[in-house]
Amino acid sequence: MRRPFQKDWELTIDPDTVRLFVLKAKAIAAGLNSDYEAGGEHEVELDEQSRDGHHHDGLAEEEEEDLTERELRALINDLNVDEAAELIAMVWIGRGDFDASEWDEAVTEARQRGQGRRASNYLLGMPMLGDWLEEGLEAIGA
């Protein structure tokens, strides 16, 4: 449990927006995890007389997961530079790269890295994005 601290700054990004990102990131991660866990489920061995009569809506499921990722990517791309820097700083605090008391330094570092439009690629490449965002948001008391 992290101890609360006094912050002398205001967030540019709305905490409710970050919570939406958390939900979407966790939905994406859950979809990936269930695919990995059920890896052999779609393997079917057929002999010469058998036919593959298995029909499923796998493409529809795949499209739904892809839609969630595209939505999150679009939302992140719509952030301004300050909001994107704060989002990245939250992730870094959530995964322990910075402490919540180092908020200003984390935001400055995120801004200097010039993530810009690449922020969505950077963030969506993190398998624990939802968890780290959630932990970062809690750590800064938002």
N, C-alpha and C. Protein backbone atom coordinates (compact mmCIF):
# COMPACT_ATOMS: atom_id res chain seq x y z
N MET A 1 0.84 -1.18 0.00
CA MET A 1 0.00 0.00 0.00
C MET A 1 0.88 1.23 0.00
N ARG A 2 0.63 2.10 -0.93
CA ARG A 2 1.41 3.32 -1.03
C ARG A 2 0.84 4.39 -0.12
N ARG A 3 1.72 5.17 0.44
CA ARG A 3 1.26 6.23 1.33
C ARG A 3 0.88 7.46 0.52
N PRO A 4 -0.16 8.15 0.93
CA PRO A 4 -0.59 9.36 0.21
C PRO A 4 0.43 10.47 0.36
N PHE A 5 0.48 11.34 -0.60
CA PHE A 5 1.37 12.46 -0.55
C PHE A 5 0.63 13.70 -1.01
N GLN A 6 1.19 14.84 -0.69
CA GLN A 6 0.58 16.11 -1.09
C GLN A 6 1.05 16.45 -2.50
N LYS A 7 0.13 16.65 -3.39
CA LYS A 7 0.52 17.04 -4.73
C LYS A 7 0.27 18.54 -4.91
N ASP A 8 1.20 19.16 -5.61
CA ASP A 8 1.09 20.59 -5.85
C ASP A 8 0.89 20.88 -7.33
N TRP A 9 0.19 19.97 -8.01
CA TRP A 9 -0.08 20.11 -9.44
C TRP A 9 -1.47 19.56 -9.74
N GLU A 10 -1.98 19.94 -10.86
CA GLU A 10 -3.28 19.43 -11.33
C GLU A 10 -3.05 18.62 -12.60
N LEU A 11 -3.81 17.57 -12.74
CA LEU A 11 -3.72 16.74 -13.95
C LEU A 11 -4.31 17.47 -15.15
N THR A 12 -3.68 17.30 -16.28
CA THR A 12 -4.24 17.78 -17.54
C THR A 12 -5.24 16.75 -18.06
N ILE A 13 -4.88 15.48 -17.91
CA ILE A 13 -5.75 14.40 -18.37
C ILE A 13 -6.79 14.10 -17.29
N ASP A 14 -8.01 13.87 -17.71
CA ASP A 14 -9.11 13.57 -16.79
C ASP A 14 -8.92 12.15 -16.23
N PRO A 15 -8.93 12.00 -14.91
CA PRO A 15 -8.79 10.67 -14.31
C PRO A 15 -9.84 9.67 -14.82
N ASP A 16 -11.04 10.14 -15.14
CA ASP A 16 -12.06 9.24 -15.68
C ASP A 16 -11.66 8.72 -17.06
N THR A 17 -10.96 9.54 -17.83
CA THR A 17 -10.45 9.09 -19.12
C THR A 17 -9.42 7.99 -18.91
N VAL A 18 -8.56 8.17 -17.92
CA VAL A 18 -7.55 7.15 -17.61
C VAL A 18 -8.23 5.86 -17.17
N ARG A 19 -9.29 5.98 -16.38
CA ARG A 19 -10.01 4.78 -15.94
C ARG A 19 -10.63 4.04 -17.13
N LEU A 20 -11.12 4.79 -18.11
CA LEU A 20 -11.62 4.18 -19.35
C LEU A 20 -10.50 3.44 -20.06
N PHE A 21 -9.32 4.05 -20.13
CA PHE A 21 -8.17 3.41 -20.75
C PHE A 21 -7.81 2.12 -20.00
N VAL A 22 -7.89 2.16 -18.68
CA VAL A 22 -7.61 0.96 -17.87
C VAL A 22 -8.55 -0.17 -18.27
N LEU A 23 -9.84 0.13 -18.35
CA LEU A 23 -10.82 -0.90 -18.70
C LEU A 23 -10.55 -1.48 -20.09
N LYS A 24 -10.27 -0.62 -21.05
CA LYS A 24 -10.02 -1.08 -22.41
C LYS A 24 -8.72 -1.89 -22.48
N ALA A 25 -7.68 -1.43 -21.80
CA ALA A 25 -6.40 -2.15 -21.81
C ALA A 25 -6.55 -3.52 -21.16
N LYS A 26 -7.31 -3.59 -20.08
CA LYS A 26 -7.53 -4.88 -19.42
C LYS A 26 -8.36 -5.81 -20.29
N ALA A 27 -9.31 -5.27 -21.03
CA ALA A 27 -10.11 -6.09 -21.95
C ALA A 27 -9.23 -6.66 -23.05
N ILE A 28 -8.31 -5.86 -23.56
CA ILE A 28 -7.39 -6.33 -24.59
C ILE A 28 -6.50 -7.43 -24.01
N ALA A 29 -5.95 -7.19 -22.82
CA ALA A 29 -5.07 -8.17 -22.18
C ALA A 29 -5.82 -9.47 -21.88
N ALA A 30 -7.05 -9.37 -21.45
CA ALA A 30 -7.84 -10.57 -21.15
C ALA A 30 -8.07 -11.38 -22.42
N GLY A 31 -8.31 -10.71 -23.52
CA GLY A 31 -8.50 -11.40 -24.80
C GLY A 31 -7.24 -12.12 -25.22
N LEU A 32 -6.09 -11.48 -25.04
CA LEU A 32 -4.82 -12.11 -25.39
C LEU A 32 -4.54 -13.29 -24.49
N ASN A 33 -4.77 -13.14 -23.20
CA ASN A 33 -4.50 -14.22 -22.26
C ASN A 33 -5.36 -15.44 -22.53
N SER A 34 -6.64 -15.25 -22.84
CA SER A 34 -7.50 -16.39 -23.08
C SER A 34 -7.10 -17.10 -24.37
N ASP A 35 -6.59 -16.37 -25.35
CA ASP A 35 -6.10 -17.00 -26.58
C ASP A 35 -4.89 -17.87 -26.28
N TYR A 36 -3.97 -17.38 -25.45
CA TYR A 36 -2.78 -18.15 -25.13
C TYR A 36 -3.12 -19.39 -24.31
N GLU A 37 -4.01 -19.25 -23.35
CA GLU A 37 -4.37 -20.37 -22.50
C GLU A 37 -5.06 -21.48 -23.28
N ALA A 38 -5.83 -21.11 -24.29
CA ALA A 38 -6.59 -22.10 -25.04
C ALA A 38 -5.91 -22.42 -26.37
N GLY A 39 -4.60 -22.31 -26.42
CA GLY A 39 -3.86 -22.44 -27.66
C GLY A 39 -4.15 -23.67 -28.49
N GLY A 40 -4.30 -24.84 -27.88
CA GLY A 40 -4.48 -26.06 -28.65
C GLY A 40 -5.93 -26.35 -28.99
N GLU A 41 -6.80 -25.55 -28.54
CA GLU A 41 -8.23 -25.83 -28.68
C GLU A 41 -8.70 -25.86 -30.14
N HIS A 42 -8.05 -25.13 -31.02
CA HIS A 42 -8.51 -25.07 -32.40
C HIS A 42 -7.81 -26.06 -33.31
N GLU A 43 -6.91 -26.86 -32.75
CA GLU A 43 -6.22 -27.85 -33.55
C GLU A 43 -7.13 -29.06 -33.72
N VAL A 44 -7.35 -29.44 -34.97
CA VAL A 44 -8.23 -30.57 -35.28
C VAL A 44 -7.46 -31.52 -36.19
N GLU A 45 -7.39 -32.78 -35.79
CA GLU A 45 -6.75 -33.77 -36.63
C GLU A 45 -7.82 -34.50 -37.42
N LEU A 46 -7.61 -34.58 -38.70
CA LEU A 46 -8.58 -35.22 -39.58
C LEU A 46 -7.94 -36.43 -40.23
N ASP A 47 -8.72 -37.51 -40.33
CA ASP A 47 -8.22 -38.62 -41.11
C ASP A 47 -8.78 -38.49 -42.53
N GLU A 48 -8.57 -39.47 -43.38
CA GLU A 48 -8.98 -39.36 -44.79
C GLU A 48 -10.49 -39.25 -44.97
N GLN A 49 -11.26 -39.82 -44.07
CA GLN A 49 -12.72 -39.85 -44.24
C GLN A 49 -13.43 -38.74 -43.46
N SER A 50 -12.73 -38.03 -42.66
CA SER A 50 -13.35 -36.99 -41.84
C SER A 50 -13.35 -35.66 -42.56
N ARG A 51 -14.30 -34.87 -42.20
CA ARG A 51 -14.37 -33.50 -42.73
C ARG A 51 -14.41 -32.53 -41.56
N ASP A 52 -13.87 -31.40 -41.78
CA ASP A 52 -13.90 -30.38 -40.75
C ASP A 52 -15.25 -29.68 -40.83
N GLY A 53 -16.16 -30.07 -39.97
CA GLY A 53 -17.48 -29.46 -39.94
C GLY A 53 -17.61 -28.40 -38.87
N HIS A 54 -16.49 -28.02 -38.31
CA HIS A 54 -16.52 -27.05 -37.22
C HIS A 54 -16.64 -25.64 -37.79
N HIS A 55 -17.72 -24.99 -37.46
CA HIS A 55 -17.92 -23.61 -37.89
C HIS A 55 -18.03 -22.75 -36.64
N HIS A 56 -17.32 -21.68 -36.65
CA HIS A 56 -17.37 -20.77 -35.49
C HIS A 56 -17.24 -19.35 -35.97
N ASP A 57 -17.46 -18.45 -35.05
CA ASP A 57 -17.39 -17.04 -35.41
C ASP A 57 -16.07 -16.44 -34.95
N GLY A 58 -14.99 -17.18 -35.16
CA GLY A 58 -13.67 -16.74 -34.74
C GLY A 58 -13.29 -15.40 -35.35
N LEU A 59 -13.66 -15.17 -36.58
CA LEU A 59 -13.34 -13.90 -37.20
C LEU A 59 -14.09 -12.76 -36.52
N ALA A 60 -15.32 -13.01 -36.13
CA ALA A 60 -16.08 -11.98 -35.42
C ALA A 60 -15.45 -11.69 -34.07
N GLU A 61 -14.99 -12.75 -33.37
CA GLU A 61 -14.34 -12.54 -32.09
C GLU A 61 -13.05 -11.76 -32.27
N GLU A 62 -12.29 -12.13 -33.29
CA GLU A 62 -11.05 -11.44 -33.56
C GLU A 62 -11.30 -9.97 -33.89
N GLU A 63 -12.33 -9.70 -34.66
CA GLU A 63 -12.67 -8.33 -35.02
C GLU A 63 -13.05 -7.51 -33.79
N GLU A 64 -13.76 -8.15 -32.84
CA GLU A 64 -14.18 -7.44 -31.63
C GLU A 64 -12.96 -7.04 -30.80
N GLU A 65 -12.00 -7.95 -30.64
CA GLU A 65 -10.80 -7.63 -29.88
C GLU A 65 -10.01 -6.54 -30.59
N ASP A 66 -9.91 -6.65 -31.90
CA ASP A 66 -9.19 -5.67 -32.68
C ASP A 66 -9.87 -4.31 -32.57
N LEU A 67 -11.20 -4.31 -32.52
CA LEU A 67 -11.95 -3.07 -32.40
C LEU A 67 -11.61 -2.38 -31.08
N THR A 68 -11.52 -3.13 -29.99
CA THR A 68 -11.17 -2.55 -28.70
C THR A 68 -9.78 -1.93 -28.76
N GLU A 69 -8.84 -2.61 -29.39
CA GLU A 69 -7.50 -2.07 -29.50
C GLU A 69 -7.48 -0.82 -30.38
N ARG A 70 -8.22 -0.87 -31.48
CA ARG A 70 -8.28 0.31 -32.35
C ARG A 70 -8.91 1.49 -31.65
N GLU A 71 -9.95 1.22 -30.84
CA GLU A 71 -10.60 2.30 -30.08
C GLU A 71 -9.61 2.93 -29.10
N LEU A 72 -8.89 2.09 -28.37
CA LEU A 72 -7.94 2.61 -27.39
C LEU A 72 -6.82 3.37 -28.10
N ARG A 73 -6.34 2.84 -29.19
CA ARG A 73 -5.29 3.51 -29.96
C ARG A 73 -5.77 4.90 -30.42
N ALA A 74 -7.00 4.96 -30.92
CA ALA A 74 -7.55 6.24 -31.39
C ALA A 74 -7.71 7.22 -30.23
N LEU A 75 -8.16 6.74 -29.09
CA LEU A 75 -8.32 7.61 -27.92
C LEU A 75 -6.98 8.17 -27.46
N ILE A 76 -5.96 7.32 -27.44
CA ILE A 76 -4.63 7.78 -27.03
C ILE A 76 -4.08 8.78 -28.06
N ASN A 77 -4.30 8.48 -29.34
CA ASN A 77 -3.82 9.40 -30.39
C ASN A 77 -4.51 10.75 -30.33
N ASP A 78 -5.71 10.80 -29.77
CA ASP A 78 -6.45 12.07 -29.66
C ASP A 78 -5.98 12.94 -28.49
N LEU A 79 -5.12 12.39 -27.64
CA LEU A 79 -4.62 13.17 -26.50
C LEU A 79 -3.67 14.25 -26.99
N ASN A 80 -3.66 15.37 -26.28
CA ASN A 80 -2.66 16.39 -26.61
C ASN A 80 -1.32 15.98 -25.98
N VAL A 81 -0.29 16.73 -26.26
CA VAL A 81 1.07 16.39 -25.81
C VAL A 81 1.15 16.27 -24.29
N ASP A 82 0.53 17.19 -23.58
CA ASP A 82 0.57 17.16 -22.11
C ASP A 82 -0.16 15.94 -21.56
N GLU A 83 -1.33 15.64 -22.11
CA GLU A 83 -2.09 14.48 -21.65
C GLU A 83 -1.34 13.18 -21.92
N ALA A 84 -0.74 13.07 -23.10
CA ALA A 84 0.02 11.86 -23.44
C ALA A 84 1.22 11.70 -22.51
N ALA A 85 1.90 12.80 -22.21
CA ALA A 85 3.05 12.74 -21.30
C ALA A 85 2.59 12.29 -19.91
N GLU A 86 1.46 12.80 -19.44
CA GLU A 86 0.95 12.40 -18.13
C GLU A 86 0.54 10.93 -18.12
N LEU A 87 -0.04 10.46 -19.20
CA LEU A 87 -0.44 9.05 -19.27
C LEU A 87 0.79 8.15 -19.19
N ILE A 88 1.83 8.51 -19.93
CA ILE A 88 3.07 7.72 -19.90
C ILE A 88 3.69 7.79 -18.51
N ALA A 89 3.69 8.97 -17.91
CA ALA A 89 4.24 9.12 -16.55
C ALA A 89 3.47 8.25 -15.56
N MET A 90 2.16 8.16 -15.71
CA MET A 90 1.36 7.30 -14.83
C MET A 90 1.77 5.84 -14.95
N VAL A 91 2.01 5.41 -16.19
CA VAL A 91 2.44 4.03 -16.41
C VAL A 91 3.79 3.80 -15.74
N TRP A 92 4.70 4.73 -15.91
CA TRP A 92 6.02 4.58 -15.31
C TRP A 92 5.94 4.54 -13.80
N ILE A 93 5.08 5.35 -13.20
CA ILE A 93 4.90 5.33 -11.75
C ILE A 93 4.25 4.01 -11.34
N GLY A 94 3.27 3.56 -12.12
CA GLY A 94 2.59 2.31 -11.82
C GLY A 94 3.50 1.09 -11.86
N ARG A 95 4.48 1.11 -12.74
CA ARG A 95 5.38 -0.06 -12.83
C ARG A 95 6.65 0.14 -11.99
N GLY A 96 6.75 1.30 -11.31
CA GLY A 96 7.83 1.50 -10.35
C GLY A 96 9.07 2.19 -10.89
N ASP A 97 9.03 2.71 -12.11
CA ASP A 97 10.18 3.43 -12.65
C ASP A 97 10.40 4.76 -11.92
N PHE A 98 9.30 5.37 -11.49
CA PHE A 98 9.33 6.62 -10.74
C PHE A 98 8.43 6.45 -9.54
N ASP A 99 8.67 7.23 -8.51
CA ASP A 99 7.78 7.30 -7.35
C ASP A 99 6.78 8.43 -7.61
N ALA A 100 5.63 8.34 -6.96
CA ALA A 100 4.60 9.38 -7.15
C ALA A 100 5.13 10.77 -6.81
N SER A 101 6.06 10.86 -5.86
CA SER A 101 6.63 12.16 -5.50
C SER A 101 7.51 12.73 -6.61
N GLU A 102 7.84 11.90 -7.61
CA GLU A 102 8.66 12.32 -8.74
C GLU A 102 7.81 12.61 -9.99
N TRP A 103 6.55 12.95 -9.76
CA TRP A 103 5.60 13.18 -10.85
C TRP A 103 6.14 14.15 -11.90
N ASP A 104 6.60 15.31 -11.45
CA ASP A 104 7.09 16.32 -12.39
C ASP A 104 8.24 15.79 -13.25
N GLU A 105 9.15 15.06 -12.64
CA GLU A 105 10.28 14.49 -13.38
C GLU A 105 9.80 13.46 -14.40
N ALA A 106 8.83 12.63 -13.99
CA ALA A 106 8.31 11.60 -14.90
C ALA A 106 7.62 12.24 -16.10
N VAL A 107 6.83 13.28 -15.86
CA VAL A 107 6.13 13.96 -16.96
C VAL A 107 7.14 14.64 -17.88
N THR A 108 8.14 15.28 -17.29
CA THR A 108 9.17 15.94 -18.09
C THR A 108 9.91 14.92 -18.96
N GLU A 109 10.27 13.80 -18.37
CA GLU A 109 10.97 12.75 -19.12
C GLU A 109 10.09 12.21 -20.25
N ALA A 110 8.81 11.99 -19.97
CA ALA A 110 7.89 11.50 -21.01
C ALA A 110 7.76 12.51 -22.14
N ARG A 111 7.69 13.77 -21.80
CA ARG A 111 7.57 14.82 -22.82
C ARG A 111 8.86 14.92 -23.64
N GLN A 112 10.02 14.79 -22.99
CA GLN A 112 11.30 14.88 -23.68
C GLN A 112 11.54 13.72 -24.64
N ARG A 113 10.97 12.59 -24.30
CA ARG A 113 11.13 11.44 -25.19
C ARG A 113 10.40 11.63 -26.50
N GLY A 114 9.52 12.64 -26.54
CA GLY A 114 8.84 12.97 -27.78
C GLY A 114 7.96 11.88 -28.31
N GLN A 115 7.24 11.22 -27.44
CA GLN A 115 6.39 10.13 -27.87
C GLN A 115 5.37 10.57 -28.91
N GLY A 116 4.73 11.72 -28.68
CA GLY A 116 3.74 12.24 -29.63
C GLY A 116 2.77 11.17 -30.10
N ARG A 117 2.67 11.03 -31.39
CA ARG A 117 1.76 10.04 -31.98
C ARG A 117 2.23 8.61 -31.74
N ARG A 118 3.49 8.46 -31.38
CA ARG A 118 4.00 7.12 -31.11
C ARG A 118 3.59 6.64 -29.72
N ALA A 119 2.96 7.50 -28.94
CA ALA A 119 2.56 7.13 -27.59
C ALA A 119 1.66 5.90 -27.60
N SER A 120 0.73 5.82 -28.54
CA SER A 120 -0.18 4.67 -28.58
C SER A 120 0.59 3.39 -28.88
N ASN A 121 1.56 3.44 -29.79
CA ASN A 121 2.36 2.24 -30.08
C ASN A 121 3.16 1.84 -28.85
N TYR A 122 3.77 2.82 -28.21
CA TYR A 122 4.55 2.55 -27.01
C TYR A 122 3.70 1.93 -25.91
N LEU A 123 2.57 2.56 -25.62
CA LEU A 123 1.71 2.10 -24.52
C LEU A 123 1.03 0.77 -24.84
N LEU A 124 0.54 0.60 -26.05
CA LEU A 124 -0.15 -0.65 -26.39
C LEU A 124 0.82 -1.82 -26.53
N GLY A 125 2.10 -1.54 -26.55
CA GLY A 125 3.10 -2.60 -26.56
C GLY A 125 3.37 -3.16 -25.16
N MET A 126 2.75 -2.59 -24.16
CA MET A 126 2.96 -3.02 -22.77
C MET A 126 1.88 -4.03 -22.38
N PRO A 127 2.28 -5.25 -22.06
CA PRO A 127 1.29 -6.28 -21.73
C PRO A 127 0.49 -5.99 -20.46
N MET A 128 1.04 -5.21 -19.55
CA MET A 128 0.35 -4.92 -18.28
C MET A 128 -0.09 -3.47 -18.21
N LEU A 129 -0.38 -2.87 -19.36
CA LEU A 129 -0.75 -1.46 -19.42
C LEU A 129 -1.89 -1.12 -18.47
N GLY A 130 -2.97 -1.88 -18.47
CA GLY A 130 -4.11 -1.59 -17.61
C GLY A 130 -3.75 -1.60 -16.14
N ASP A 131 -2.98 -2.60 -15.72
CA ASP A 131 -2.58 -2.70 -14.32
C ASP A 131 -1.67 -1.53 -13.92
N TRP A 132 -0.71 -1.23 -14.78
CA TRP A 132 0.24 -0.15 -14.46
C TRP A 132 -0.44 1.21 -14.44
N LEU A 133 -1.37 1.42 -15.35
CA LEU A 133 -2.13 2.69 -15.34
C LEU A 133 -2.94 2.81 -14.05
N GLU A 134 -3.59 1.73 -13.70
CA GLU A 134 -4.42 1.72 -12.50
C GLU A 134 -3.57 1.99 -11.26
N GLU A 135 -2.42 1.33 -11.17
CA GLU A 135 -1.54 1.54 -10.02
C GLU A 135 -0.97 2.96 -10.01
N GLY A 136 -0.63 3.47 -11.18
CA GLY A 136 -0.11 4.83 -11.25
C GLY A 136 -1.14 5.86 -10.85
N LEU A 137 -2.37 5.66 -11.32
CA LEU A 137 -3.47 6.57 -10.98
C LEU A 137 -3.72 6.58 -9.47
N GLU A 138 -3.69 5.39 -8.88
CA GLU A 138 -3.88 5.29 -7.43
C GLU A 138 -2.72 5.93 -6.68
N ALA A 139 -1.50 5.72 -7.18
CA ALA A 139 -0.31 6.24 -6.50
C ALA A 139 -0.31 7.76 -6.45
N ILE A 140 -0.81 8.40 -7.51
CA ILE A 140 -0.80 9.87 -7.51
C ILE A 140 -2.05 10.45 -6.86
N GLY A 141 -2.93 9.58 -6.40
CA GLY A 141 -4.10 10.02 -5.67
C GLY A 141 -5.20 10.63 -6.51
N ALA A 142 -5.28 10.19 -7.75
CA ALA A 142 -6.32 10.74 -8.65
C ALA A 142 -7.54 9.85 -8.70
